[in-house]
PDB file of N, CA and C in Angstrom:
ATOM      1  N   MET A   1       0.839  -1.202  -0.007  1.00  0.00           N
ATOM      2  CA  MET A   1       0.008  -0.016   0.013  1.00  0.00           C
ATOM      3  C   MET A   1       0.885   1.265  -0.003  1.00  0.00           C
ATOM      4  N   VAL A   2       1.858   1.278   0.893  1.00  0.00           N
ATOM      5  CA  VAL A   2       2.759   2.450   0.950  1.00  0.00           C
ATOM      6  C   VAL A   2       3.551   2.593  -0.324  1.00  0.00           C
ATOM      7  N   GLY A   3       4.030   1.442  -0.878  1.00  0.00           N
ATOM      8  CA  GLY A   3       4.746   1.455  -2.140  1.00  0.00           C
ATOM      9  C   GLY A   3       3.927   1.995  -3.270  1.00  0.00           C
ATOM     10  N   ALA A   4       2.608   1.662  -3.273  1.00  0.00           N
ATOM     11  CA  ALA A   4       1.731   2.141  -4.334  1.00  0.00           C
ATOM     12  C   ALA A   4       1.533   3.676  -4.236  1.00  0.00           C
ATOM     13  N   VAL A   5       1.371   4.152  -3.021  1.00  0.00           N
ATOM     14  CA  VAL A   5       1.229   5.620  -2.815  1.00  0.00           C
ATOM     15  C   VAL A   5       2.522   6.336  -3.186  1.00  0.00           C
ATOM     16  N   ALA A   6       3.631   5.800  -2.750  1.00  0.00           N
ATOM     17  CA  ALA A   6       4.933   6.466  -3.129  1.00  0.00           C
ATOM     18  C   ALA A   6       5.189   6.414  -4.601  1.00  0.00           C
ATOM     19  N   GLY A   7       4.862   5.286  -5.222  1.00  0.00           N
ATOM     20  CA  GLY A   7       5.032   5.172  -6.685  1.00  0.00           C
ATOM     21  C   GLY A   7       4.107   6.098  -7.433  1.00  0.00           C
ATOM     22  N   GLY A   8       2.868   6.254  -6.971  1.00  0.00           N
ATOM     23  CA  GLY A   8       1.949   7.201  -7.587  1.00  0.00           C
ATOM     24  C   GLY A   8       2.419   8.640  -7.476  1.00  0.00           C
ATOM     25  N   LEU A   9       2.940   8.986  -6.304  1.00  0.00           N
ATOM     26  CA  LEU A   9       3.478  10.356  -6.130  1.00  0.00           C
ATOM     27  C   LEU A   9       4.690  10.581  -7.000  1.00  0.00           C
ATOM     28  N   LEU A  10       5.566   9.603  -7.052  1.00  0.00           N
ATOM     29  CA  LEU A  10       6.794   9.733  -7.856  1.00  0.00           C
ATOM     30  C   LEU A  10       6.462   9.841  -9.336  1.00  0.00           C
ATOM     31  N   GLY A  11       5.523   8.985  -9.764  1.00  0.00           N
ATOM     32  CA  GLY A  11       5.090   9.049 -11.147  1.00  0.00           C
ATOM     33  C   GLY A  11       4.418  10.383 -11.485  1.00  0.00           C
ATOM     34  N   GLY A  12       3.612  10.891 -10.535  1.00  0.00           N
ATOM     35  CA  GLY A  12       2.959  12.144 -10.781  1.00  0.00           C
ATOM     36  C   GLY A  12       3.944  13.304 -10.854  1.00  0.00           C
ATOM     37  N   LEU A  13       5.013  13.253 -10.014  1.00  0.00           N
ATOM     38  CA  LEU A  13       5.976  14.329 -10.027  1.00  0.00           C
ATOM     39  C   LEU A  13       6.866  14.266 -11.283  1.00  0.00           C
ATOM     40  N   THR A  14       7.196  13.069 -11.684  1.00  0.00           N
ATOM     41  CA  THR A  14       8.089  12.931 -12.867  1.00  0.00           C
ATOM     42  C   THR A  14       7.342  13.109 -14.170  1.00  0.00           C
ATOM     43  N   GLY A  15       6.051  12.959 -14.153  1.00  0.00           N
ATOM     44  CA  GLY A  15       5.253  13.094 -15.385  1.00  0.00           C
ATOM     45  C   GLY A  15       4.931  14.502 -15.739  1.00  0.00           C
ATOM     46  N   VAL A  16       5.157  15.417 -14.831  1.00  0.00           N
ATOM     47  CA  VAL A  16       4.831  16.862 -15.029  1.00  0.00           C
ATOM     48  C   VAL A  16       6.110  17.610 -15.455  1.00  0.00           C
ATOM     49  N   PRO A  17       6.022  18.294 -16.610  1.00  0.00           N
ATOM     50  CA  PRO A  17       7.219  19.060 -16.989  1.00  0.00           C
ATOM     51  C   PRO A  17       7.388  20.261 -16.066  1.00  0.00           C
ATOM     52  N   MET A  18       8.638  20.443 -15.576  1.00  0.00           N
ATOM     53  CA  MET A  18       8.882  21.603 -14.696  1.00  0.00           C
ATOM     54  C   MET A  18      10.277  22.125 -14.939  1.00  0.00           C
ATOM     55  N   SER A  19      10.503  23.364 -14.555  1.00  0.00           N
ATOM     56  CA  SER A  19      11.810  23.996 -14.771  1.00  0.00           C
ATOM     57  C   SER A  19      12.813  23.389 -13.778  1.00  0.00           C
ATOM     58  N   TRP A  20      14.121  23.668 -14.002  1.00  0.00           N
ATOM     59  CA  TRP A  20      15.167  23.143 -13.117  1.00  0.00           C
ATOM     60  C   TRP A  20      15.037  23.633 -11.691  1.00  0.00           C
ATOM     61  N   GLY A  21      14.684  24.867 -11.506  1.00  0.00           N
ATOM     62  CA  GLY A  21      14.555  25.377 -10.182  1.00  0.00           C
ATOM     63  C   GLY A  21      13.438  24.672  -9.362  1.00  0.00           C
ATOM     64  N   ILE A  22      12.321  24.509 -10.046  1.00  0.00           N
ATOM     65  CA  ILE A  22      11.203  23.804  -9.381  1.00  0.00           C
ATOM     66  C   ILE A  22      11.561  22.334  -9.158  1.00  0.00           C
ATOM     67  N   ALA A  23      12.213  21.716 -10.090  1.00  0.00           N
ATOM     68  CA  ALA A  23      12.608  20.295  -9.948  1.00  0.00           C
ATOM     69  C   ALA A  23      13.571  20.146  -8.751  1.00  0.00           C
ATOM     70  N   VAL A  24      14.498  21.042  -8.561  1.00  0.00           N
ATOM     71  CA  VAL A  24      15.423  20.984  -7.443  1.00  0.00           C
ATOM     72  C   VAL A  24      14.652  21.215  -6.131  1.00  0.00           C
ATOM     73  N   ALA A  25      13.724  22.138  -6.128  1.00  0.00           N
ATOM     74  CA  ALA A  25      12.922  22.419  -4.924  1.00  0.00           C
ATOM     75  C   ALA A  25      12.076  21.209  -4.552  1.00  0.00           C
ATOM     76  N   VAL A  26      11.485  20.562  -5.530  1.00  0.00           N
ATOM     77  CA  VAL A  26      10.630  19.365  -5.275  1.00  0.00           C
ATOM     78  C   VAL A  26      11.515  18.223  -4.773  1.00  0.00           C
ATOM     79  N   GLY A  27      12.695  18.053  -5.369  1.00  0.00           N
ATOM     80  CA  GLY A  27      13.593  17.010  -4.878  1.00  0.00           C
ATOM     81  C   GLY A  27      14.074  17.269  -3.479  1.00  0.00           C
ATOM     82  N   LEU A  28      14.433  18.469  -3.151  1.00  0.00           N
ATOM     83  CA  LEU A  28      14.862  18.822  -1.800  1.00  0.00           C
ATOM     84  C   LEU A  28      13.729  18.633  -0.811  1.00  0.00           C
ATOM     85  N   ALA A  29      12.527  19.082  -1.148  1.00  0.00           N
ATOM     86  CA  ALA A  29      11.392  18.911  -0.245  1.00  0.00           C
ATOM     87  C   ALA A  29      11.099  17.447  -0.032  1.00  0.00           C
ATOM     88  N   SER A  30      11.176  16.608  -1.057  1.00  0.00           N
ATOM     89  CA  SER A  30      10.946  15.187  -0.911  1.00  0.00           C
ATOM     90  C   SER A  30      11.993  14.573  -0.025  1.00  0.00           C
ATOM     91  N   PHE A  31      13.237  14.963  -0.180  1.00  0.00           N
ATOM     92  CA  PHE A  31      14.301  14.439   0.682  1.00  0.00           C
ATOM     93  C   PHE A  31      14.086  14.824   2.139  1.00  0.00           C
ATOM     94  N   LEU A  32      13.707  16.080   2.393  1.00  0.00           N
ATOM     95  CA  LEU A  32      13.491  16.547   3.786  1.00  0.00           C
ATOM     96  C   LEU A  32      12.272  15.898   4.398  1.00  0.00           C
ATOM     97  N   ILE A  33      11.321  15.478   3.618  1.00  0.00           N
ATOM     98  CA  ILE A  33      10.155  14.765   4.136  1.00  0.00           C
ATOM     99  C   ILE A  33      10.447  13.305   4.390  1.00  0.00           C
ATOM    100  N   LEU A  34      11.179  12.678   3.454  1.00  0.00           N
ATOM    101  CA  LEU A  34      11.473  11.247   3.573  1.00  0.00           C
ATOM    102  C   LEU A  34      12.537  10.917   4.618  1.00  0.00           C
ATOM    103  N   LEU A  35      13.468  11.792   4.837  1.00  0.00           N
ATOM    104  CA  LEU A  35      14.564  11.530   5.745  1.00  0.00           C
ATOM    105  C   LEU A  35      14.079  11.205   7.191  1.00  0.00           C
ATOM    106  N   PRO A  36      13.217  12.016   7.794  1.00  0.00           N
ATOM    107  CA  PRO A  36      12.741  11.633   9.171  1.00  0.00           C
ATOM    108  C   PRO A  36      11.890  10.339   9.122  1.00  0.00           C
ATOM    109  N   ILE A  37      11.148  10.089   8.072  1.00  0.00           N
ATOM    110  CA  ILE A  37      10.352   8.893   7.954  1.00  0.00           C
ATOM    111  C   ILE A  37      11.269   7.672   7.902  1.00  0.00           C
ATOM    112  N   LEU A  38      12.301   7.743   7.095  1.00  0.00           N
ATOM    113  CA  LEU A  38      13.288   6.629   7.022  1.00  0.00           C
ATOM    114  C   LEU A  38      13.983   6.439   8.375  1.00  0.00           C
ATOM    115  N   ALA A  39      14.300   7.503   9.037  1.00  0.00           N
ATOM    116  CA  ALA A  39      14.939   7.386  10.358  1.00  0.00           C
ATOM    117  C   ALA A  39      14.026   6.684  11.348  1.00  0.00           C
ATOM    118  N   LEU A  40      12.734   7.007  11.302  1.00  0.00           N
ATOM    119  CA  LEU A  40      11.783   6.317  12.178  1.00  0.00           C
ATOM    120  C   LEU A  40      11.701   4.857  11.855  1.00  0.00           C
ATOM    121  N   VAL A  41      11.661   4.539  10.611  1.00  0.00           N
ATOM    122  CA  VAL A  41      11.493   3.120  10.219  1.00  0.00           C
ATOM    123  C   VAL A  41      12.763   2.323  10.428  1.00  0.00           C
ATOM    124  N   LEU A  42      13.894   2.867  10.149  1.00  0.00           N
ATOM    125  CA  LEU A  42      15.114   2.076  10.137  1.00  0.00           C
ATOM    126  C   LEU A  42      15.926   2.190  11.436  1.00  0.00           C
ATOM    127  N   VAL A  43      15.967   3.344  12.086  1.00  0.00           N
ATOM    128  CA  VAL A  43      16.859   3.519  13.219  1.00  0.00           C
ATOM    129  C   VAL A  43      16.155   3.264  14.545  1.00  0.00           C
ATOM    130  N   LEU A  44      14.988   3.768  14.753  1.00  0.00           N
ATOM    131  CA  LEU A  44      14.347   3.676  16.037  1.00  0.00           C
ATOM    132  C   LEU A  44      14.055   2.239  16.510  1.00  0.00           C
ATOM    133  N   PRO A  45      13.657   1.324  15.641  1.00  0.00           N
ATOM    134  CA  PRO A  45      13.393  -0.036  16.163  1.00  0.00           C
ATOM    135  C   PRO A  45      14.678  -0.744  16.626  1.00  0.00           C
ATOM    136  N   ALA A  46      15.803  -0.364  16.108  1.00  0.00           N
ATOM    137  CA  ALA A  46      17.072  -1.017  16.470  1.00  0.00           C
ATOM    138  C   ALA A  46      17.793  -0.329  17.618  1.00  0.00           C
ATOM    139  N   THR A  47      17.164   0.701  18.205  1.00  0.00           N
ATOM    140  CA  THR A  47      17.818   1.476  19.259  1.00  0.00           C
ATOM    141  C   THR A  47      17.615   0.800  20.586  1.00  0.00           C
ATOM    142  N   ASP A  48      18.706   0.624  21.370  1.00  0.00           N
ATOM    143  CA  ASP A  48      18.657   0.121  22.739  1.00  0.00           C
ATOM    144  C   ASP A  48      18.568   1.322  23.663  1.00  0.00           C
ATOM    145  N   TRP A  49      17.358   1.619  24.135  1.00  0.00           N
ATOM    146  CA  TRP A  49      17.114   2.805  24.907  1.00  0.00           C
ATOM    147  C   TRP A  49      17.778   2.705  26.267  1.00  0.00           C
ATOM    148  N   ASP A  50      17.816   1.521  26.880  1.00  0.00           N
ATOM    149  CA  ASP A  50      18.454   1.426  28.208  1.00  0.00           C
ATOM    150  C   ASP A  50      19.973   1.680  28.078  1.00  0.00           C
ATOM    151  N   GLU A  51      20.623   1.166  27.069  1.00  0.00           N
ATOM    152  CA  GLU A  51      22.020   1.420  26.899  1.00  0.00           C
ATOM    153  C   GLU A  51      22.328   2.881  26.601  1.00  0.00           C
ATOM    154  N   LEU A  52      21.463   3.507  25.840  1.00  0.00           N
ATOM    155  CA  LEU A  52      21.620   4.922  25.539  1.00  0.00           C
ATOM    156  C   LEU A  52      21.447   5.771  26.773  1.00  0.00           C
ATOM    157  N   LYS A  53      20.442   5.437  27.589  1.00  0.00           N
ATOM    158  CA  LYS A  53      20.195   6.187  28.847  1.00  0.00           C
ATOM    159  C   LYS A  53      21.440   6.007  29.778  1.00  0.00           C
ATOM    160  N   GLU A  54      21.933   4.778  29.902  1.00  0.00           N
ATOM    161  CA  GLU A  54      23.096   4.527  30.742  1.00  0.00           C
ATOM    162  C   GLU A  54      24.319   5.299  30.302  1.00  0.00           C
ATOM    163  N   ARG A  55      24.490   5.359  28.979  1.00  0.00           N
ATOM    164  CA  ARG A  55      25.667   6.059  28.412  1.00  0.00           C
ATOM    165  C   ARG A  55      25.561   7.566  28.612  1.00  0.00           C
ATOM    166  N   LEU A  56      24.379   8.153  28.533  1.00  0.00           N
ATOM    167  CA  LEU A  56      24.236   9.605  28.599  1.00  0.00           C
ATOM    168  C   LEU A  56      23.949  10.153  29.998  1.00  0.00           C
ATOM    169  N   THR A  57      23.656   9.277  30.962  1.00  0.00           N
ATOM    170  CA  THR A  57      23.392   9.736  32.336  1.00  0.00           C
ATOM    171  C   THR A  57      24.740   9.916  33.050  1.00  0.00           C
ATOM    172  N   PRO A  58      24.956  11.062  33.648  1.00  0.00           N
ATOM    173  CA  PRO A  58      26.255  11.317  34.297  1.00  0.00           C
ATOM    174  C   PRO A  58      26.269  10.719  35.706  1.00  0.00           C
ATOM    175  N   ASN A  59      26.395   9.425  35.815  1.00  0.00           N
ATOM    176  CA  ASN A  59      26.330   8.715  37.087  1.00  0.00           C
ATOM    177  C   ASN A  59      27.406   9.130  38.046  1.00  0.00           C
ATOM    178  N   VAL A  60      28.628   9.295  37.572  1.00  0.00           N
ATOM    179  CA  VAL A  60      29.739   9.676  38.458  1.00  0.00           C
ATOM    180  C   VAL A  60      29.484  11.050  39.024  1.00  0.00           C
ATOM    181  N   THR A  61      29.021  11.986  38.226  1.00  0.00           N
ATOM    182  CA  THR A  61      28.705  13.341  38.739  1.00  0.00           C
ATOM    183  C   THR A  61      27.584  13.299  39.742  1.00  0.00           C
ATOM    184  N   ILE A  62      26.541  12.496  39.512  1.00  0.00           N
ATOM    185  CA  ILE A  62      25.445  12.414  40.426  1.00  0.00           C
ATOM    186  C   ILE A  62      25.919  11.829  41.784  1.00  0.00           C
ATOM    187  N   ASP A  63      26.724  10.761  41.730  1.00  0.00           N
ATOM    188  CA  ASP A  63      27.220  10.159  42.943  1.00  0.00           C
ATOM    189  C   ASP A  63      28.121  11.125  43.718  1.00  0.00           C
ATOM    190  N   THR A  64      28.970  11.841  43.029  1.00  0.00           N
ATOM    191  CA  THR A  64      29.862  12.797  43.643  1.00  0.00           C
ATOM    192  C   THR A  64      29.078  13.928  44.311  1.00  0.00           C
ATOM    193  N   THR A  65      28.044  14.374  43.640  1.00  0.00           N
ATOM    194  CA  THR A  65      27.193  15.441  44.209  1.00  0.00           C
ATOM    195  C   THR A  65      26.479  14.971  45.449  1.00  0.00           C
ATOM    196  N   LYS A  66      25.999  13.737  45.472  1.00  0.00           N
ATOM    197  CA  LYS A  66      25.345  13.208  46.662  1.00  0.00           C
ATOM    198  C   LYS A  66      26.308  13.107  47.824  1.00  0.00           C
ATOM    199  N   GLU A  67      27.526  12.658  47.544  1.00  0.00           N
ATOM    200  CA  GLU A  67      28.548  12.583  48.606  1.00  0.00           C
ATOM    201  C   GLU A  67      28.884  13.948  49.119  1.00  0.00           C
ATOM    202  N   THR A  68      29.001  14.931  48.247  1.00  0.00           N
ATOM    203  CA  THR A  68      29.306  16.320  48.664  1.00  0.00           C
ATOM    204  C   THR A  68      28.155  16.867  49.535  1.00  0.00           C
ATOM    205  N   ILE A  69      26.962  16.636  49.176  1.00  0.00           N
ATOM    206  CA  ILE A  69      25.802  17.101  49.987  1.00  0.00           C
ATOM    207  C   ILE A  69      25.822  16.471  51.353  1.00  0.00           C
ATOM    208  N   GLU A  70      26.113  15.176  51.443  1.00  0.00           N
ATOM    209  CA  GLU A  70      26.208  14.503  52.753  1.00  0.00           C
ATOM    210  C   GLU A  70      27.334  15.092  53.568  1.00  0.00           C
ATOM    211  N   TRP A  71      28.504  15.350  52.946  1.00  0.00           N
ATOM    212  CA  TRP A  71      29.630  15.905  53.673  1.00  0.00           C
ATOM    213  C   TRP A  71      29.321  17.290  54.195  1.00  0.00           C
ATOM    214  N   VAL A  72      28.660  18.120  53.384  1.00  0.00           N
ATOM    215  CA  VAL A  72      28.306  19.473  53.816  1.00  0.00           C
ATOM    216  C   VAL A  72      27.307  19.399  54.970  1.00  0.00           C
ATOM    217  N   ARG A  73      26.364  18.516  54.931  1.00  0.00           N
ATOM    218  CA  ARG A  73      25.412  18.376  56.015  1.00  0.00           C
ATOM    219  C   ARG A  73      26.079  17.941  57.327  1.00  0.00           C
ATOM    220  N   GLU A  74      27.113  17.082  57.213  1.00  0.00           N
ATOM    221  CA  GLU A  74      27.864  16.691  58.397  1.00  0.00           C
ATOM    222  C   GLU A  74      28.656  17.849  58.954  1.00  0.00           C
ATOM    223  N   GLN A  75      29.226  18.690  58.078  1.00  0.00           N
ATOM    224  CA  GLN A  75      30.032  19.793  58.516  1.00  0.00           C
ATOM    225  C   GLN A  75      29.198  20.937  59.115  1.00  0.00           C
ATOM    226  N   MET A  76      28.064  21.161  58.555  1.00  0.00           N
ATOM    227  CA  MET A  76      27.190  22.270  58.965  1.00  0.00           C
ATOM    228  C   MET A  76      25.764  21.756  59.226  1.00  0.00           C
ATOM    229  N   PRO A  77      25.535  21.153  60.386  1.00  0.00           N
ATOM    230  CA  PRO A  77      24.176  20.619  60.630  1.00  0.00           C
ATOM    231  C   PRO A  77      23.154  21.759  60.696  1.00  0.00           C
ATOM    232  N   LEU A  78      21.958  21.457  60.219  1.00  0.00           N
ATOM    233  CA  LEU A  78      20.918  22.423  60.226  1.00  0.00           C
ATOM    234  C   LEU A  78      20.409  22.629  61.679  1.00  0.00           C
ATOM    235  N   GLY A  79      20.241  23.836  62.059  1.00  0.00           N
ATOM    236  CA  GLY A  79      19.754  24.100  63.406  1.00  0.00           C
ATOM    237  C   GLY A  79      19.293  25.536  63.496  1.00  0.00           C
ATOM    238  N   ARG A  80      18.995  25.972  64.700  1.00  0.00           N
ATOM    239  CA  ARG A  80      18.534  27.347  64.895  1.00  0.00           C
ATOM    240  C   ARG A  80      19.719  28.310  64.822  1.00  0.00           C
ATOM    241  N   LYS A  81      19.514  29.373  64.137  1.00  0.00           N
ATOM    242  CA  LYS A  81      20.553  30.393  64.095  1.00  0.00           C
ATOM    243  C   LYS A  81      20.362  31.347  65.257  1.00  0.00           C
ATOM    244  N   SER A  82      21.428  31.703  65.926  1.00  0.00           N
ATOM    245  CA  SER A  82      21.299  32.589  67.102  1.00  0.00           C
ATOM    246  C   SER A  82      21.371  34.023  66.657  1.00  0.00           C
TER     247      SER A  82
END
């Protein structure tokens, strides 16, 4: 079904005589429309989201920040100010 629609659109675009400027514009527009669609179809299903999340999460920084917060709380306990 998708192939038939794409073939019909391609046939319709190539069957119409147009100037070079319009042909380049149509080709560029088709590329910019099809590129995200191809990315959705080809790249997203093969993506390991857990591995990507693990790689991009700054775990060392988070752990260091938690340790620093604990250290500061030990050094300066919260209490009443005189």
